[in-house]
Amino acid sequence: MSTMVAGPLHVTDATFDQDVLKSDKPVLVDFTATWCGPCRMIAPIIEEMAAEYAGRAVIGKVDVDENPEISMNFGIRSVPTLMIFKGGKMVDMVIGAVGKQKLVEKLNAQLN
């Protein structure tokens, strides 16, 4: 058995459609940026959730500077913005750094 723990999926403009919109599982997408302090604060939470939800949900990250198309399409104006997608549609959103419990509650609501 591999000891490597999968971290969040790095989603790009090119892979967003396949990785997020066509996923058969709920997807939590963290719109982030390397220069963003609050983004760095929640990064460990996103890492933990990627491991905890493996097989049940997809946890992804989008660097808004490297992927302007997705960011523009979803009107991302501040980071971190976290969106939950299910069945190809955005079903929930959180703007700003929030605690893990809030993200877990929102994602759990989409697991069924």
C-alpha atoms as a PDB file:
ATOM      1  CA  MET A   1       0.000   0.000   0.000  1.00  0.00           C
ATOM      2  CA  SER A   2       1.305   3.434  -0.929  1.00  0.00           C
ATOM      3  CA  THR A   3       2.027   5.864   1.892  1.00  0.00           C
ATOM      4  CA  MET A   4       1.612   8.893  -0.377  1.00  0.00           C
ATOM      5  CA  VAL A   5      -1.467  10.857   0.609  1.00  0.00           C
ATOM      6  CA  ALA A   6      -3.217  12.509  -2.283  1.00  0.00           C
ATOM      7  CA  GLY A   7      -3.475  16.233  -1.838  1.00  0.00           C
ATOM      8  CA  PRO A   8      -5.977  18.504  -3.515  1.00  0.00           C
ATOM      9  CA  LEU A   9      -6.380  18.175  -7.256  1.00  0.00           C
ATOM     10  CA  HIS A  10      -4.761  21.070  -9.108  1.00  0.00           C
ATOM     11  CA  VAL A  11      -7.469  22.236 -11.481  1.00  0.00           C
ATOM     12  CA  THR A  12      -6.676  24.444 -14.475  1.00  0.00           C
ATOM     13  CA  ASP A  13      -8.609  26.296 -17.169  1.00  0.00           C
ATOM     14  CA  ALA A  14      -7.947  23.269 -19.397  1.00  0.00           C
ATOM     15  CA  THR A  15      -9.102  20.605 -16.912  1.00  0.00           C
ATOM     16  CA  PHE A  16     -11.948  22.394 -15.105  1.00  0.00           C
ATOM     17  CA  ASP A  17     -14.709  20.979 -17.302  1.00  0.00           C
ATOM     18  CA  GLN A  18     -13.524  17.388 -16.901  1.00  0.00           C
ATOM     19  CA  ASP A  19     -12.348  17.557 -13.263  1.00  0.00           C
ATOM     20  CA  VAL A  20     -15.187  19.627 -11.814  1.00  0.00           C
ATOM     21  CA  LEU A  21     -18.256  19.928 -14.029  1.00  0.00           C
ATOM     22  CA  LYS A  22     -18.220  16.301 -15.223  1.00  0.00           C
ATOM     23  CA  SER A  23     -17.295  14.780 -11.850  1.00  0.00           C
ATOM     24  CA  ASP A  24     -19.642  12.098 -10.550  1.00  0.00           C
ATOM     25  CA  LYS A  25     -18.848  13.267  -7.002  1.00  0.00           C
ATOM     26  CA  PRO A  26     -19.330  16.630  -5.292  1.00  0.00           C
ATOM     27  CA  VAL A  27     -16.318  18.902  -5.846  1.00  0.00           C
ATOM     28  CA  LEU A  28     -15.022  21.558  -3.442  1.00  0.00           C
ATOM     29  CA  VAL A  29     -12.903  24.047  -5.378  1.00  0.00           C
ATOM     30  CA  ASP A  30     -10.585  26.407  -3.522  1.00  0.00           C
ATOM     31  CA  PHE A  31      -9.911  29.481  -5.681  1.00  0.00           C
ATOM     32  CA  THR A  32      -6.578  30.627  -4.300  1.00  0.00           C
ATOM     33  CA  ALA A  33      -3.429  32.636  -5.012  1.00  0.00           C
ATOM     34  CA  THR A  34       0.173  32.261  -3.888  1.00  0.00           C
ATOM     35  CA  TRP A  35       0.275  35.863  -2.559  1.00  0.00           C
ATOM     36  CA  CYS A  36      -2.910  35.494  -0.492  1.00  0.00           C
ATOM     37  CA  GLY A  37      -2.371  35.244   3.293  1.00  0.00           C
ATOM     38  CA  PRO A  38      -5.829  33.867   4.183  1.00  0.00           C
ATOM     39  CA  CYS A  39      -5.407  31.290   1.376  1.00  0.00           C
ATOM     40  CA  ARG A  40      -2.234  30.045   3.054  1.00  0.00           C
ATOM     41  CA  MET A  41      -4.103  29.901   6.377  1.00  0.00           C
ATOM     42  CA  ILE A  42      -6.742  27.508   5.014  1.00  0.00           C
ATOM     43  CA  ALA A  43      -4.345  25.473   2.832  1.00  0.00           C
ATOM     44  CA  PRO A  44      -3.751  22.856   5.593  1.00  0.00           C
ATOM     45  CA  ILE A  45      -7.541  22.436   5.966  1.00  0.00           C
ATOM     46  CA  ILE A  46      -7.884  21.850   2.222  1.00  0.00           C
ATOM     47  CA  GLU A  47      -5.029  19.299   2.384  1.00  0.00           C
ATOM     48  CA  GLU A  48      -6.707  17.453   5.292  1.00  0.00           C
ATOM     49  CA  MET A  49     -10.070  17.423   3.560  1.00  0.00           C
ATOM     50  CA  ALA A  50      -8.524  16.049   0.349  1.00  0.00           C
ATOM     51  CA  ALA A  51      -7.310  13.036   2.341  1.00  0.00           C
ATOM     52  CA  GLU A  52     -10.471  12.672   4.444  1.00  0.00           C
ATOM     53  CA  TYR A  53     -12.879  12.828   1.508  1.00  0.00           C
ATOM     54  CA  ALA A  54     -10.844  10.642  -0.890  1.00  0.00           C
ATOM     55  CA  GLY A  55     -13.276   8.472  -2.834  1.00  0.00           C
ATOM     56  CA  ARG A  56     -16.338  10.426  -1.635  1.00  0.00           C
ATOM     57  CA  ALA A  57     -15.714  13.922  -2.968  1.00  0.00           C
ATOM     58  CA  VAL A  58     -13.093  15.764  -4.981  1.00  0.00           C
ATOM     59  CA  ILE A  59     -11.134  18.583  -3.336  1.00  0.00           C
ATOM     60  CA  GLY A  60      -9.509  20.881  -5.879  1.00  0.00           C
ATOM     61  CA  LYS A  61      -7.509  24.086  -6.012  1.00  0.00           C
ATOM     62  CA  VAL A  62      -7.444  26.711  -8.735  1.00  0.00           C
ATOM     63  CA  ASP A  63      -4.661  29.303  -8.812  1.00  0.00           C
ATOM     64  CA  VAL A  64      -6.552  32.393  -9.983  1.00  0.00           C
ATOM     65  CA  ASP A  65      -3.425  34.021 -11.418  1.00  0.00           C
ATOM     66  CA  GLU A  66      -2.563  30.990 -13.541  1.00  0.00           C
ATOM     67  CA  ASN A  67      -6.168  30.263 -14.552  1.00  0.00           C
ATOM     68  CA  PRO A  68      -7.890  33.571 -15.349  1.00  0.00           C
ATOM     69  CA  GLU A  69     -10.574  31.982 -17.542  1.00  0.00           C
ATOM     70  CA  ILE A  70     -12.242  29.951 -14.772  1.00  0.00           C
ATOM     71  CA  SER A  71     -11.886  32.824 -12.316  1.00  0.00           C
ATOM     72  CA  MET A  72     -13.554  35.211 -14.770  1.00  0.00           C
ATOM     73  CA  ASN A  73     -16.332  32.734 -15.637  1.00  0.00           C
ATOM     74  CA  PHE A  74     -17.284  32.416 -11.966  1.00  0.00           C
ATOM     75  CA  GLY A  75     -16.781  36.089 -11.094  1.00  0.00           C
ATOM     76  CA  ILE A  76     -14.058  35.440  -8.535  1.00  0.00           C
ATOM     77  CA  ARG A  77     -13.212  38.852  -7.075  1.00  0.00           C
ATOM     78  CA  SER A  78     -11.593  37.868  -3.807  1.00  0.00           C
ATOM     79  CA  VAL A  79      -9.594  34.895  -2.637  1.00  0.00           C
ATOM     80  CA  PRO A  80     -10.015  32.547  -1.045  1.00  0.00           C
ATOM     81  CA  THR A  81     -13.380  31.740  -2.586  1.00  0.00           C
ATOM     82  CA  LEU A  82     -14.537  28.168  -2.097  1.00  0.00           C
ATOM     83  CA  MET A  83     -17.242  26.756  -4.331  1.00  0.00           C
ATOM     84  CA  ILE A  84     -18.976  23.417  -4.141  1.00  0.00           C
ATOM     85  CA  PHE A  85     -20.122  21.876  -7.412  1.00  0.00           C
ATOM     86  CA  LYS A  86     -22.470  18.957  -7.828  1.00  0.00           C
ATOM     87  CA  GLY A  87     -23.813  17.549 -11.068  1.00  0.00           C
ATOM     88  CA  GLY A  88     -22.033  20.222 -13.081  1.00  0.00           C
ATOM     89  CA  LYS A  89     -23.560  23.150 -11.167  1.00  0.00           C
ATOM     90  CA  MET A  90     -22.308  25.386  -8.394  1.00  0.00           C
ATOM     91  CA  VAL A  91     -24.469  24.573  -5.361  1.00  0.00           C
ATOM     92  CA  ASP A  92     -22.731  26.443  -2.535  1.00  0.00           C
ATOM     93  CA  MET A  93     -20.058  29.067  -1.977  1.00  0.00           C
ATOM     94  CA  VAL A  94     -17.975  30.540   0.841  1.00  0.00           C
ATOM     95  CA  ILE A  95     -15.913  33.705   0.450  1.00  0.00           C
ATOM     96  CA  GLY A  96     -12.979  34.223   2.785  1.00  0.00           C
ATOM     97  CA  ALA A  97     -11.043  31.990   5.136  1.00  0.00           C
ATOM     98  CA  VAL A  98     -13.427  29.918   7.241  1.00  0.00           C
ATOM     99  CA  GLY A  99     -12.941  27.124   9.735  1.00  0.00           C
ATOM    100  CA  LYS A 100     -12.822  23.497   8.714  1.00  0.00           C
ATOM    101  CA  GLN A 101     -16.132  22.705  10.427  1.00  0.00           C
ATOM    102  CA  LYS A 102     -18.039  25.098   8.165  1.00  0.00           C
ATOM    103  CA  LEU A 103     -16.500  23.589   5.021  1.00  0.00           C
ATOM    104  CA  VAL A 104     -17.148  20.048   6.274  1.00  0.00           C
ATOM    105  CA  GLU A 105     -20.810  20.884   6.983  1.00  0.00           C
ATOM    106  CA  LYS A 106     -21.295  22.436   3.547  1.00  0.00           C
ATOM    107  CA  LEU A 107     -19.595  19.553   1.736  1.00  0.00           C
ATOM    108  CA  ASN A 108     -21.379  16.887   3.802  1.00  0.00           C
ATOM    109  CA  ALA A 109     -24.699  18.461   2.809  1.00  0.00           C
ATOM    110  CA  GLN A 110     -23.884  17.551  -0.820  1.00  0.00           C
ATOM    111  CA  LEU A 111     -22.910  13.927  -0.104  1.00  0.00           C
ATOM    112  CA  ASN A 112     -25.893  11.698  -0.730  1.00  0.00           C
END
